C-alpha atoms as a PDB file:
ATOM      1  CA  MET A   1    -122.304 -53.698  40.636  1.00  0.00           C
ATOM      2  CA  SER A   2    -120.195 -55.209  37.863  1.00  0.00           C
ATOM      3  CA  ILE A   3    -120.323 -53.560  34.437  1.00  0.00           C
ATOM      4  CA  SER A   4    -119.954 -54.831  30.873  1.00  0.00           C
ATOM      5  CA  LEU A   5    -118.226 -52.239  28.702  1.00  0.00           C
ATOM      6  CA  GLY A   6    -118.601 -51.777  24.977  1.00  0.00           C
ATOM      7  CA  VAL A   7    -115.443 -49.918  23.965  1.00  0.00           C
ATOM      8  CA  GLY A   8    -114.984 -48.057  20.700  1.00  0.00           C
ATOM      9  CA  LEU A   9    -111.195 -47.783  20.533  1.00  0.00           C
ATOM     10  CA  THR A  10    -111.395 -45.991  17.205  1.00  0.00           C
ATOM     11  CA  SER A  11    -113.869 -44.746  14.646  1.00  0.00           C
ATOM     12  CA  ASP A  12    -111.440 -45.637  11.868  1.00  0.00           C
ATOM     13  CA  CYS A  13    -112.620 -48.312   9.456  1.00  0.00           C
ATOM     14  CA  PRO A  14    -111.630 -49.462   5.953  1.00  0.00           C
ATOM     15  CA  PHE A  15    -115.304 -49.824   5.000  1.00  0.00           C
ATOM     16  CA  SER A  16    -118.031 -47.221   4.459  1.00  0.00           C
ATOM     17  CA  CYS A  17    -121.148 -49.294   5.068  1.00  0.00           C
ATOM     18  CA  ARG A  18    -124.379 -47.499   4.328  1.00  0.00           C
ATOM     19  CA  HIS A  19    -126.116 -48.622   7.514  1.00  0.00           C
ATOM     20  CA  CYS A  20    -123.236 -47.901   9.938  1.00  0.00           C
ATOM     21  CA  TYR A  21    -124.268 -46.141  13.149  1.00  0.00           C
ATOM     22  CA  SER A  22    -120.849 -44.581  13.771  1.00  0.00           C
ATOM     23  CA  GLY A  23    -120.888 -42.211  10.794  1.00  0.00           C
ATOM     24  CA  ALA A  24    -118.530 -43.362   8.062  1.00  0.00           C
ATOM     25  CA  GLY A  25    -116.350 -40.854   6.258  1.00  0.00           C
ATOM     26  CA  ARG A  26    -115.468 -38.657   9.226  1.00  0.00           C
ATOM     27  CA  ASP A  27    -111.910 -38.014  10.359  1.00  0.00           C
ATOM     28  CA  PRO A  28    -110.991 -40.970  12.588  1.00  0.00           C
ATOM     29  CA  VAL A  29    -110.939 -40.514  16.356  1.00  0.00           C
ATOM     30  CA  HIS A  30    -108.766 -42.732  18.577  1.00  0.00           C
ATOM     31  CA  MET A  31    -109.497 -43.329  22.249  1.00  0.00           C
ATOM     32  CA  ASP A  32    -106.811 -42.406  24.774  1.00  0.00           C
ATOM     33  CA  PRO A  33    -105.766 -45.700  26.431  1.00  0.00           C
ATOM     34  CA  GLU A  34    -104.615 -44.037  29.658  1.00  0.00           C
ATOM     35  CA  THR A  35    -108.019 -42.431  30.163  1.00  0.00           C
ATOM     36  CA  LEU A  36    -109.714 -45.727  29.318  1.00  0.00           C
ATOM     37  CA  PHE A  37    -107.759 -47.745  31.880  1.00  0.00           C
ATOM     38  CA  ALA A  38    -108.112 -45.067  34.548  1.00  0.00           C
ATOM     39  CA  PHE A  39    -111.874 -45.243  33.952  1.00  0.00           C
ATOM     40  CA  ILE A  40    -111.827 -49.031  34.162  1.00  0.00           C
ATOM     41  CA  ASP A  41    -109.747 -48.898  37.342  1.00  0.00           C
ATOM     42  CA  ALA A  42    -112.534 -46.848  38.962  1.00  0.00           C
ATOM     43  CA  LEU A  43    -115.206 -49.429  38.114  1.00  0.00           C
ATOM     44  CA  ASP A  44    -115.911 -53.119  38.580  1.00  0.00           C
ATOM     45  CA  VAL A  45    -115.670 -54.242  34.949  1.00  0.00           C
ATOM     46  CA  ASP A  46    -116.449 -57.896  34.256  1.00  0.00           C
ATOM     47  CA  SER A  47    -116.158 -57.946  30.450  1.00  0.00           C
ATOM     48  CA  VAL A  48    -115.274 -55.768  27.459  1.00  0.00           C
ATOM     49  CA  ASN A  49    -116.354 -55.821  23.831  1.00  0.00           C
ATOM     50  CA  LEU A  50    -114.263 -53.891  21.317  1.00  0.00           C
ATOM     51  CA  GLY A  51    -116.247 -52.514  18.403  1.00  0.00           C
ATOM     52  CA  THR A  52    -117.534 -49.327  16.686  1.00  0.00           C
ATOM     53  CA  GLY A  53    -114.677 -49.045  14.126  1.00  0.00           C
ATOM     54  CA  GLU A  54    -112.053 -51.664  13.311  1.00  0.00           C
ATOM     55  CA  SER A  55    -110.163 -51.886  16.598  1.00  0.00           C
ATOM     56  CA  CYS A  56    -106.906 -52.931  14.912  1.00  0.00           C
ATOM     57  CA  LEU A  57    -106.638 -49.448  13.364  1.00  0.00           C
ATOM     58  CA  HIS A  58    -106.053 -47.934  16.806  1.00  0.00           C
ATOM     59  CA  PRO A  59    -102.275 -47.374  17.085  1.00  0.00           C
ATOM     60  CA  GLY A  60    -102.195 -49.056  20.521  1.00  0.00           C
ATOM     61  CA  PHE A  61    -104.467 -52.003  19.674  1.00  0.00           C
ATOM     62  CA  HIS A  62    -102.051 -54.785  20.647  1.00  0.00           C
ATOM     63  CA  SER A  63    -100.865 -53.134  23.860  1.00  0.00           C
ATOM     64  CA  VAL A  64    -104.479 -52.423  24.879  1.00  0.00           C
ATOM     65  CA  LEU A  65    -105.289 -56.118  24.509  1.00  0.00           C
ATOM     66  CA  GLN A  66    -102.284 -57.025  26.645  1.00  0.00           C
ATOM     67  CA  ARG A  67    -103.422 -54.659  29.386  1.00  0.00           C
ATOM     68  CA  PHE A  68    -106.929 -56.143  29.399  1.00  0.00           C
ATOM     69  CA  HIS A  69    -105.520 -59.646  29.663  1.00  0.00           C
ATOM     70  CA  GLY A  70    -103.208 -58.499  32.459  1.00  0.00           C
ATOM     71  CA  LEU A  71    -106.264 -57.307  34.378  1.00  0.00           C
ATOM     72  CA  GLY A  72    -108.013 -60.628  33.809  1.00  0.00           C
ATOM     73  CA  ILE A  73    -110.926 -59.010  31.958  1.00  0.00           C
ATOM     74  CA  PRO A  74    -112.538 -61.185  29.245  1.00  0.00           C
ATOM     75  CA  VAL A  75    -112.438 -59.431  25.855  1.00  0.00           C
ATOM     76  CA  ALA A  76    -114.709 -59.930  22.854  1.00  0.00           C
ATOM     77  CA  ILE A  77    -114.261 -58.237  19.486  1.00  0.00           C
ATOM     78  CA  THR A  78    -116.816 -57.243  16.876  1.00  0.00           C
ATOM     79  CA  THR A  79    -115.158 -56.968  13.478  1.00  0.00           C
ATOM     80  CA  ALA A  80    -115.802 -57.191   9.766  1.00  0.00           C
ATOM     81  CA  GLY A  81    -112.605 -59.246   9.603  1.00  0.00           C
ATOM     82  CA  PRO A  82    -109.548 -56.946   9.686  1.00  0.00           C
ATOM     83  CA  SER A  83    -109.113 -56.944  13.478  1.00  0.00           C
ATOM     84  CA  VAL A  84    -108.838 -60.730  13.549  1.00  0.00           C
ATOM     85  CA  ALA A  85    -106.479 -60.744  10.571  1.00  0.00           C
ATOM     86  CA  ALA A  86    -104.237 -58.355  12.544  1.00  0.00           C
ATOM     87  CA  LEU A  87    -103.889 -60.755  15.505  1.00  0.00           C
ATOM     88  CA  SER A  88    -101.268 -63.422  15.937  1.00  0.00           C
ATOM     89  CA  ASP A  89    -102.565 -66.902  16.770  1.00  0.00           C
ATOM     90  CA  ALA A  90    -101.516 -66.399  20.397  1.00  0.00           C
ATOM     91  CA  GLU A  91    -103.346 -63.071  20.608  1.00  0.00           C
ATOM     92  CA  LEU A  92    -106.433 -64.548  18.989  1.00  0.00           C
ATOM     93  CA  ALA A  93    -106.465 -67.534  21.336  1.00  0.00           C
ATOM     94  CA  ALA A  94    -106.668 -65.140  24.303  1.00  0.00           C
ATOM     95  CA  ILE A  95    -109.921 -63.534  23.065  1.00  0.00           C
ATOM     96  CA  HIS A  96    -113.162 -64.695  24.706  1.00  0.00           C
ATOM     97  CA  ASP A  97    -115.296 -64.618  21.548  1.00  0.00           C
ATOM     98  CA  ILE A  98    -115.425 -62.909  18.155  1.00  0.00           C
ATOM     99  CA  ASP A  99    -118.419 -61.484  16.287  1.00  0.00           C
ATOM    100  CA  PHE A 100    -117.954 -61.207  12.522  1.00  0.00           C
ATOM    101  CA  SER A 101    -120.196 -58.618  10.884  1.00  0.00           C
ATOM    102  CA  LEU A 102    -121.922 -60.170   7.882  1.00  0.00           C
ATOM    103  CA  ASP A 103    -124.856 -58.487   6.147  1.00  0.00           C
ATOM    104  CA  PHE A 104    -125.809 -60.986   3.457  1.00  0.00           C
ATOM    105  CA  PRO A 105    -125.309 -64.746   3.052  1.00  0.00           C
ATOM    106  CA  GLU A 106    -124.236 -64.277  -0.568  1.00  0.00           C
ATOM    107  CA  ARG A 107    -120.628 -63.281  -1.296  1.00  0.00           C
ATOM    108  CA  GLU A 108    -121.547 -60.885  -4.104  1.00  0.00           C
ATOM    109  CA  ARG A 109    -124.179 -58.979  -2.126  1.00  0.00           C
ATOM    110  CA  HIS A 110    -122.052 -58.705   1.000  1.00  0.00           C
ATOM    111  CA  ASP A 111    -119.011 -57.519  -0.953  1.00  0.00           C
ATOM    112  CA  ASP A 112    -121.145 -54.998  -2.812  1.00  0.00           C
ATOM    113  CA  TRP A 113    -122.423 -53.673   0.535  1.00  0.00           C
ATOM    114  CA  ARG A 114    -118.991 -53.469   2.181  1.00  0.00           C
ATOM    115  CA  ALA A 115    -115.981 -54.015  -0.085  1.00  0.00           C
ATOM    116  CA  PRO A 116    -114.521 -56.622  -2.459  1.00  0.00           C
ATOM    117  CA  GLY A 117    -113.134 -59.537  -0.478  1.00  0.00           C
ATOM    118  CA  ALA A 118    -115.115 -58.738   2.680  1.00  0.00           C
ATOM    119  CA  PHE A 119    -117.091 -62.003   2.618  1.00  0.00           C
ATOM    120  CA  ASP A 120    -114.008 -64.193   2.277  1.00  0.00           C
ATOM    121  CA  MET A 121    -112.289 -62.244   5.058  1.00  0.00           C
ATOM    122  CA  VAL A 122    -115.113 -63.260   7.416  1.00  0.00           C
ATOM    123  CA  VAL A 123    -114.967 -66.925   6.369  1.00  0.00           C
ATOM    124  CA  GLU A 124    -111.174 -67.002   6.780  1.00  0.00           C
ATOM    125  CA  GLY A 125    -111.479 -65.321  10.187  1.00  0.00           C
ATOM    126  CA  ILE A 126    -114.019 -67.897  11.360  1.00  0.00           C
ATOM    127  CA  GLU A 127    -111.698 -70.711  10.241  1.00  0.00           C
ATOM    128  CA  ARG A 128    -108.815 -69.148  12.200  1.00  0.00           C
ATOM    129  CA  CYS A 129    -110.981 -68.885  15.311  1.00  0.00           C
ATOM    130  CA  ARG A 130    -111.878 -72.542  15.013  1.00  0.00           C
ATOM    131  CA  SER A 131    -108.206 -73.487  14.619  1.00  0.00           C
ATOM    132  CA  VAL A 132    -107.256 -71.829  17.926  1.00  0.00           C
ATOM    133  CA  GLY A 133    -110.427 -72.767  19.842  1.00  0.00           C
ATOM    134  CA  VAL A 134    -112.111 -69.344  20.037  1.00  0.00           C
ATOM    135  CA  THR A 135    -115.907 -69.022  19.895  1.00  0.00           C
ATOM    136  CA  ALA A 136    -116.976 -67.226  16.730  1.00  0.00           C
ATOM    137  CA  SER A 137    -120.347 -65.850  15.699  1.00  0.00           C
ATOM    138  CA  VAL A 138    -121.839 -64.009  12.768  1.00  0.00           C
ATOM    139  CA  ALA A 139    -123.412 -60.668  13.676  1.00  0.00           C
ATOM    140  CA  MET A 140    -126.171 -59.634  11.280  1.00  0.00           C
ATOM    141  CA  CYS A 141    -127.751 -56.198  11.286  1.00  0.00           C
ATOM    142  CA  LEU A 142    -131.359 -56.915  10.334  1.00  0.00           C
ATOM    143  CA  MET A 143    -132.457 -54.432   7.674  1.00  0.00           C
ATOM    144  CA  GLU A 144    -135.236 -54.198   5.114  1.00  0.00           C
ATOM    145  CA  GLN A 145    -132.581 -54.997   2.503  1.00  0.00           C
ATOM    146  CA  ASN A 146    -131.561 -58.362   4.022  1.00  0.00           C
ATOM    147  CA  ALA A 147    -134.595 -59.519   6.022  1.00  0.00           C
ATOM    148  CA  ALA A 148    -135.757 -61.867   3.267  1.00  0.00           C
ATOM    149  CA  GLY A 149    -132.355 -63.571   3.380  1.00  0.00           C
ATOM    150  CA  MET A 150    -132.667 -64.801   6.972  1.00  0.00           C
ATOM    151  CA  ALA A 151    -133.064 -68.454   5.973  1.00  0.00           C
ATOM    152  CA  GLY A 152    -129.941 -68.231   3.844  1.00  0.00           C
ATOM    153  CA  MET A 153    -128.032 -66.621   6.707  1.00  0.00           C
ATOM    154  CA  CYS A 154    -129.109 -69.384   9.079  1.00  0.00           C
ATOM    155  CA  ARG A 155    -128.009 -72.062   6.609  1.00  0.00           C
ATOM    156  CA  LEU A 156    -124.665 -70.318   6.079  1.00  0.00           C
ATOM    157  CA  CYS A 157    -124.021 -70.145   9.833  1.00  0.00           C
ATOM    158  CA  GLN A 158    -124.941 -73.799  10.168  1.00  0.00           C
ATOM    159  CA  ASP A 159    -122.476 -74.675   7.391  1.00  0.00           C
ATOM    160  CA  LEU A 160    -119.758 -72.541   9.018  1.00  0.00           C
ATOM    161  CA  GLY A 161    -120.437 -74.056  12.433  1.00  0.00           C
ATOM    162  CA  VAL A 162    -121.119 -70.716  14.137  1.00  0.00           C
ATOM    163  CA  SER A 163    -123.996 -69.023  15.910  1.00  0.00           C
ATOM    164  CA  LEU A 164    -125.908 -66.064  14.511  1.00  0.00           C
ATOM    165  CA  ARG A 165    -126.423 -62.870  16.502  1.00  0.00           C
ATOM    166  CA  VAL A 166    -129.104 -60.564  15.100  1.00  0.00           C
ATOM    167  CA  ASN A 167    -129.210 -56.858  15.915  1.00  0.00           C
ATOM    168  CA  VAL A 168    -132.075 -54.849  14.482  1.00  0.00           C
ATOM    169  CA  TYR A 169    -131.170 -51.713  12.530  1.00  0.00           C
ATOM    170  CA  LYS A 170    -131.935 -48.462  14.370  1.00  0.00           C
ATOM    171  CA  PRO A 171    -132.729 -45.352  12.247  1.00  0.00           C
ATOM    172  CA  LEU A 172    -130.097 -43.135  13.863  1.00  0.00           C
ATOM    173  CA  HIS A 173    -129.164 -41.509  10.536  1.00  0.00           C
ATOM    174  CA  THR A 174    -131.876 -42.633   8.121  1.00  0.00           C
ATOM    175  CA  SER A 175    -134.968 -44.857   8.083  1.00  0.00           C
ATOM    176  CA  GLU A 176    -134.048 -46.204   4.631  1.00  0.00           C
ATOM    177  CA  TYR A 177    -132.756 -49.484   6.065  1.00  0.00           C
ATOM    178  CA  GLN A 178    -135.329 -49.959   8.840  1.00  0.00           C
ATOM    179  CA  PRO A 179    -137.265 -53.226   8.434  1.00  0.00           C
ATOM    180  CA  GLY A 180    -141.003 -52.951   7.937  1.00  0.00           C
ATOM    181  CA  TYR A 181    -143.341 -54.733  10.354  1.00  0.00           C
ATOM    182  CA  GLU A 182    -143.895 -57.772   8.137  1.00  0.00           C
ATOM    183  CA  SER A 183    -140.232 -58.006   7.104  1.00  0.00           C
ATOM    184  CA  PHE A 184    -139.147 -57.861  10.739  1.00  0.00           C
ATOM    185  CA  TRP A 185    -141.455 -60.570  11.991  1.00  0.00           C
ATOM    186  CA  ASP A 186    -140.984 -62.811   8.943  1.00  0.00           C
ATOM    187  CA  ALA A 187    -137.224 -62.741   9.612  1.00  0.00           C
ATOM    188  CA  VAL A 188    -137.622 -63.382  13.346  1.00  0.00           C
ATOM    189  CA  GLU A 189    -140.024 -66.270  12.727  1.00  0.00           C
ATOM    190  CA  THR A 190    -137.519 -67.795  10.312  1.00  0.00           C
ATOM    191  CA  LEU A 191    -134.640 -67.365  12.758  1.00  0.00           C
ATOM    192  CA  PHE A 192    -136.339 -69.228  15.600  1.00  0.00           C
ATOM    193  CA  SER A 193    -137.869 -71.889  13.375  1.00  0.00           C
ATOM    194  CA  LEU A 194    -134.421 -72.861  12.066  1.00  0.00           C
ATOM    195  CA  SER A 195    -132.442 -72.535  15.312  1.00  0.00           C
ATOM    196  CA  SER A 196    -131.646 -75.345  17.717  1.00  0.00           C
ATOM    197  CA  ARG A 197    -131.014 -73.106  20.736  1.00  0.00           C
ATOM    198  CA  ALA A 198    -131.491 -69.385  21.215  1.00  0.00           C
ATOM    199  CA  ILE A 199    -131.875 -66.493  23.622  1.00  0.00           C
ATOM    200  CA  SER A 200    -133.446 -63.065  23.224  1.00  0.00           C
ATOM    201  CA  SER A 201    -132.879 -59.748  24.960  1.00  0.00           C
ATOM    202  CA  GLU A 202    -134.735 -57.839  22.197  1.00  0.00           C
ATOM    203  CA  PRO A 203    -137.753 -56.764  24.310  1.00  0.00           C
ATOM    204  CA  VAL A 204    -140.601 -57.019  21.811  1.00  0.00           C
ATOM    205  CA  VAL A 205    -139.270 -60.360  20.543  1.00  0.00           C
ATOM    206  CA  SER A 206    -139.030 -61.618  24.111  1.00  0.00           C
ATOM    207  CA  ALA A 207    -142.675 -60.638  24.581  1.00  0.00           C
ATOM    208  CA  ALA A 208    -143.674 -62.588  21.472  1.00  0.00           C
ATOM    209  CA  LEU A 209    -141.677 -65.599  22.664  1.00  0.00           C
ATOM    210  CA  ALA A 210    -143.423 -65.377  26.039  1.00  0.00           C
ATOM    211  CA  ALA A 211    -146.762 -65.324  24.228  1.00  0.00           C
ATOM    212  CA  ALA A 212    -145.642 -68.527  22.512  1.00  0.00           C
ATOM    213  CA  GLY A 213    -144.722 -70.160  25.834  1.00  0.00           C
ATOM    214  CA  ALA A 214    -141.043 -69.277  26.378  1.00  0.00           C
ATOM    215  CA  ASP A 215    -139.751 -68.807  29.918  1.00  0.00           C
ATOM    216  CA  GLY A 216    -136.851 -66.959  31.520  1.00  0.00           C
ATOM    217  CA  SER A 217    -134.292 -69.416  30.203  1.00  0.00           C
ATOM    218  CA  VAL A 218    -134.889 -68.114  26.654  1.00  0.00           C
ATOM    219  CA  ILE A 219    -135.904 -64.503  27.231  1.00  0.00           C
ATOM    220  CA  ARG A 220    -134.682 -61.571  29.245  1.00  0.00           C
ATOM    221  CA  THR A 221    -137.268 -59.509  31.125  1.00  0.00           C
ATOM    222  CA  GLY A 222    -137.359 -55.836  32.102  1.00  0.00           C
ATOM    223  CA  GLY A 223    -137.206 -54.104  28.714  1.00  0.00           C
ATOM    224  CA  SER A 224    -133.958 -52.935  27.168  1.00  0.00           C
ATOM    225  CA  PRO A 225    -130.897 -54.305  28.995  1.00  0.00           C
ATOM    226  CA  CYS A 226    -128.739 -51.430  27.711  1.00  0.00           C
ATOM    227  CA  GLY A 227    -127.379 -49.211  30.461  1.00  0.00           C
ATOM    228  CA  LYS A 228    -128.368 -51.698  33.169  1.00  0.00           C
ATOM    229  CA  GLY A 229    -125.022 -53.079  34.196  1.00  0.00           C
ATOM    230  CA  SER A 230    -123.501 -51.992  30.900  1.00  0.00           C
ATOM    231  CA  LEU A 231    -122.014 -48.873  29.313  1.00  0.00           C
ATOM    232  CA  ARG A 232    -120.741 -47.963  25.852  1.00  0.00           C
ATOM    233  CA  LEU A 233    -117.691 -45.768  25.326  1.00  0.00           C
ATOM    234  CA  ARG A 234    -117.235 -43.791  22.126  1.00  0.00           C
ATOM    235  CA  PRO A 235    -113.718 -43.203  20.794  1.00  0.00           C
ATOM    236  CA  GLY A 236    -113.856 -39.554  21.897  1.00  0.00           C
ATOM    237  CA  GLY A 237    -114.623 -40.576  25.488  1.00  0.00           C
ATOM    238  CA  THR A 238    -118.401 -40.107  25.649  1.00  0.00           C
ATOM    239  CA  VAL A 239    -120.178 -42.532  27.985  1.00  0.00           C
ATOM    240  CA  LEU A 240    -123.479 -43.895  26.647  1.00  0.00           C
ATOM    241  CA  PRO A 241    -126.012 -46.466  27.802  1.00  0.00           C
ATOM    242  CA  CYS A 242    -126.473 -47.770  24.255  1.00  0.00           C
ATOM    243  CA  VAL A 243    -124.359 -47.601  21.114  1.00  0.00           C
ATOM    244  CA  TYR A 244    -127.357 -46.172  19.246  1.00  0.00           C
ATOM    245  CA  TRP A 245    -127.928 -43.365  21.757  1.00  0.00           C
ATOM    246  CA  ASP A 246    -127.490 -40.030  20.009  1.00  0.00           C
ATOM    247  CA  ASP A 247    -125.491 -38.216  22.675  1.00  0.00           C
ATOM    248  CA  SER A 248    -124.636 -37.956  26.346  1.00  0.00           C
ATOM    249  CA  PRO A 249    -123.235 -35.192  28.569  1.00  0.00           C
ATOM    250  CA  VAL A 250    -121.143 -37.766  30.431  1.00  0.00           C
ATOM    251  CA  THR A 251    -117.503 -38.382  29.523  1.00  0.00           C
ATOM    252  CA  MET A 252    -114.798 -40.578  31.004  1.00  0.00           C
ATOM    253  CA  GLU A 253    -112.763 -37.462  31.807  1.00  0.00           C
ATOM    254  CA  GLY A 254    -115.721 -35.843  33.571  1.00  0.00           C
ATOM    255  CA  PHE A 255    -116.331 -38.949  35.648  1.00  0.00           C
ATOM    256  CA  LEU A 256    -112.669 -39.216  36.644  1.00  0.00           C
ATOM    257  CA  ALA A 257    -112.612 -35.542  37.590  1.00  0.00           C
ATOM    258  CA  GLY A 258    -115.619 -36.020  39.854  1.00  0.00           C
ATOM    259  CA  ARG A 259    -117.938 -33.908  37.732  1.00  0.00           C
ATOM    260  CA  THR A 260    -120.244 -36.883  37.109  1.00  0.00           C
ATOM    261  CA  VAL A 261    -121.624 -39.125  39.798  1.00  0.00           C
ATOM    262  CA  GLU A 262    -124.351 -40.841  37.779  1.00  0.00           C
ATOM    263  CA  PHE A 263    -124.080 -42.623  34.442  1.00  0.00           C
ATOM    264  CA  PRO A 264    -126.684 -42.086  31.709  1.00  0.00           C
ATOM    265  CA  SER A 265    -129.606 -44.482  31.432  1.00  0.00           C
ATOM    266  CA  CYS A 266    -131.632 -45.433  28.402  1.00  0.00           C
ATOM    267  CA  ASP A 267    -134.799 -46.020  30.414  1.00  0.00           C
ATOM    268  CA  LEU A 268    -137.684 -44.320  28.625  1.00  0.00           C
ATOM    269  CA  PRO A 269    -141.178 -43.752  30.030  1.00  0.00           C
ATOM    270  CA  VAL A 270    -143.528 -46.667  29.490  1.00  0.00           C
ATOM    271  CA  PRO A 271    -146.042 -45.577  26.829  1.00  0.00           C
ATOM    272  CA  ASP A 272    -149.602 -45.075  28.053  1.00  0.00           C
ATOM    273  CA  GLU A 273    -150.836 -47.611  25.499  1.00  0.00           C
ATOM    274  CA  CYS A 274    -148.710 -50.293  27.185  1.00  0.00           C
ATOM    275  CA  GLY A 275    -150.291 -49.894  30.609  1.00  0.00           C
ATOM    276  CA  GLU A 276    -152.526 -52.966  30.432  1.00  0.00           C
ATOM    277  CA  CYS A 277    -150.189 -55.116  28.353  1.00  0.00           C
ATOM    278  CA  PRO A 278    -149.792 -58.653  29.724  1.00  0.00           C
ATOM    279  CA  TYR A 279    -146.117 -58.558  28.704  1.00  0.00           C
ATOM    280  CA  LEU A 280    -145.269 -55.193  30.234  1.00  0.00           C
ATOM    281  CA  GLU A 281    -142.713 -56.610  32.682  1.00  0.00           C
ATOM    282  CA  ILE A 282    -140.915 -58.299  29.803  1.00  0.00           C
ATOM    283  CA  CYS A 283    -141.026 -55.610  27.125  1.00  0.00           C
ATOM    284  CA  ALA A 284    -141.521 -52.300  29.033  1.00  0.00           C
ATOM    285  CA  GLY A 285    -142.445 -50.536  25.801  1.00  0.00           C
ATOM    286  CA  GLY A 286    -139.777 -52.100  23.604  1.00  0.00           C
ATOM    287  CA  CYS A 287    -136.216 -51.297  22.564  1.00  0.00           C
ATOM    288  CA  SER A 288    -135.224 -47.886  23.921  1.00  0.00           C
ATOM    289  CA  GLY A 289    -132.590 -47.391  21.211  1.00  0.00           C
ATOM    290  CA  ARG A 290    -135.252 -47.849  18.539  1.00  0.00           C
ATOM    291  CA  ARG A 291    -137.886 -45.777  20.329  1.00  0.00           C
ATOM    292  CA  LEU A 292    -135.430 -42.892  20.579  1.00  0.00           C
ATOM    293  CA  TYR A 293    -135.867 -42.428  16.818  1.00  0.00           C
ATOM    294  CA  THR A 294    -139.373 -43.780  16.242  1.00  0.00           C
ATOM    295  CA  GLY A 295    -141.171 -42.121  19.177  1.00  0.00           C
ATOM    296  CA  THR A 296    -140.062 -42.110  22.815  1.00  0.00           C
ATOM    297  CA  ARG A 297    -143.679 -42.070  24.056  1.00  0.00           C
ATOM    298  CA  ARG A 298    -144.891 -44.637  21.562  1.00  0.00           C
ATOM    299  CA  ALA A 299    -144.803 -48.397  21.894  1.00  0.00           C
ATOM    300  CA  ASP A 300    -142.179 -50.243  19.904  1.00  0.00           C
ATOM    301  CA  ILE A 301    -142.979 -50.051  16.187  1.00  0.00           C
ATOM    302  CA  TYR A 302    -142.861 -53.864  16.079  1.00  0.00           C
ATOM    303  CA  CYS A 303    -145.427 -54.290  18.879  1.00  0.00           C
ATOM    304  CA  PHE A 304    -147.729 -57.127  17.788  1.00  0.00           C
ATOM    305  CA  LEU A 305    -150.591 -56.125  20.104  1.00  0.00           C
ATOM    306  CA  GLN A 306    -151.527 -53.043  18.112  1.00  0.00           C
ATOM    307  CA  GLU A 307    -154.983 -53.286  16.584  1.00  0.00           C
ATOM    308  CA  GLY A 308    -155.027 -54.829  13.144  1.00  0.00           C
ATOM    309  CA  ARG A 309    -151.588 -56.403  13.333  1.00  0.00           C
ATOM    310  CA  ARG A 310    -150.957 -60.112  13.012  1.00  0.00           C
ATOM    311  CA  THR A 311    -149.462 -61.931  15.958  1.00  0.00           C
ATOM    312  CA  PRO A 312    -146.137 -63.539  15.047  1.00  0.00           C
ATOM    313  CA  GLY A 313    -146.068 -67.307  15.232  1.00  0.00           C
ATOM    314  CA  LEU A 314    -142.715 -67.926  16.893  1.00  0.00           C
ATOM    315  CA  THR A 315    -141.214 -71.332  17.513  1.00  0.00           C
ATOM    316  CA  VAL A 316    -139.859 -71.512  21.051  1.00  0.00           C
ATOM    317  CA  PRO A 317    -136.264 -72.820  20.867  1.00  0.00           C
ATOM    318  CA  GLU A 318    -134.296 -74.641  23.495  1.00  0.00           C
ATOM    319  CA  PRO A 319    -132.413 -72.182  25.728  1.00  0.00           C
ATOM    320  CA  LEU A 320    -128.873 -71.208  24.797  1.00  0.00           C
ATOM    321  CA  ALA A 321    -126.159 -70.834  27.431  1.00  0.00           C
ATOM    322  CA  GLY A 322    -125.677 -67.063  27.239  1.00  0.00           C
ATOM    323  CA  ASP A 323    -122.404 -67.124  29.188  1.00  0.00           C
ATOM    324  CA  SER A 324    -120.687 -68.219  25.996  1.00  0.00           C
ATOM    325  CA  TYR A 325    -121.301 -64.780  24.488  1.00  0.00           C
ATOM    326  CA  ILE A 326    -120.348 -61.510  26.162  1.00  0.00           C
ATOM    327  CA  HIS A 327    -122.928 -59.673  24.037  1.00  0.00           C
ATOM    328  CA  ALA A 328    -125.817 -61.702  25.445  1.00  0.00           C
ATOM    329  CA  SER A 329    -126.067 -59.704  28.638  1.00  0.00           C
ATOM    330  CA  TYR A 330    -125.972 -56.046  27.732  1.00  0.00           C
ATOM    331  CA  LEU A 331    -127.824 -55.083  24.561  1.00  0.00           C
ATOM    332  CA  CYS A 332    -131.006 -55.757  22.609  1.00  0.00           C
ATOM    333  CA  THR A 333    -130.108 -58.788  20.518  1.00  0.00           C
ATOM    334  CA  MET A 334    -131.016 -62.334  19.538  1.00  0.00           C
ATOM    335  CA  ILE A 335    -128.494 -65.180  19.441  1.00  0.00           C
ATOM    336  CA  ALA A 336    -129.210 -68.523  17.789  1.00  0.00           C
ATOM    337  CA  GLU A 337    -127.228 -71.735  17.423  1.00  0.00           C
ATOM    338  CA  PHE A 338    -127.729 -74.399  14.787  1.00  0.00           C
ATOM    339  CA  ASP A 339    -127.019 -78.144  14.874  1.00  0.00           C
END
């Protein structure tokens, strides 16, 4: 079975974003490249996404990219901007696609959330990607603080000529930024109403799209895709099924030494309340990464079939060709394009 890897080369980052899952402010940890490539050599890896910290702050960043290209493995990068700024045009042109982290569609709010100049760094990075023919996207972490700005984010992405990938905040460290039920669904409704093409692997959203008439060309079935043909590697070498998973006993070193024969899974038990759900095969209880912190035996907190909750009125978009985006296949996300 081929595997998509999410690789955290380093935890180092010039920003200290309040909602960051990786724990800002800690002493930076850099991944050992030799262990990484020995691990990859033992697997059938079909794609890699570099993220977690700013990958360019790893001392071997450029040589790691060269080794991936030498192996013929497509590489994507998630960055707030610095890792693209650190690449030459030739290096950038060899990247499969780039996700630029953007939290707000307004320069002032985004810079206040991250750092002065952060917004312009994203815009400049997108322009560089366009100049060398690399697919670029905006990656938005949907929070209570930015949910009401979804329409503005869609319009910005349309103006920039890029797609929008939406990941929902998981309360790994705090619930302060977790969207409420109404905020979540208002934002999702806006996203699909303004998109031209889209796909969803966010389980509860896929269920709502199915309720609105979407088929398998727009939605992914089977619950959370994380850990099913994908793994995430922390800078210290821990192997996880999902970047939001709190911990794992499995390490790259342990696997290479033969102490581990099975990788961790993020499959959680299907909640009893979901047993008769008509969308069980699609949602399977919802996002496992979210349920880890909101109740592993409870249905997804955004389940629209709970008594007394309104059913979201989603517009079913045209299907998006997910092969254009490495991220489309291995985590709970939504990706939308705009004409």
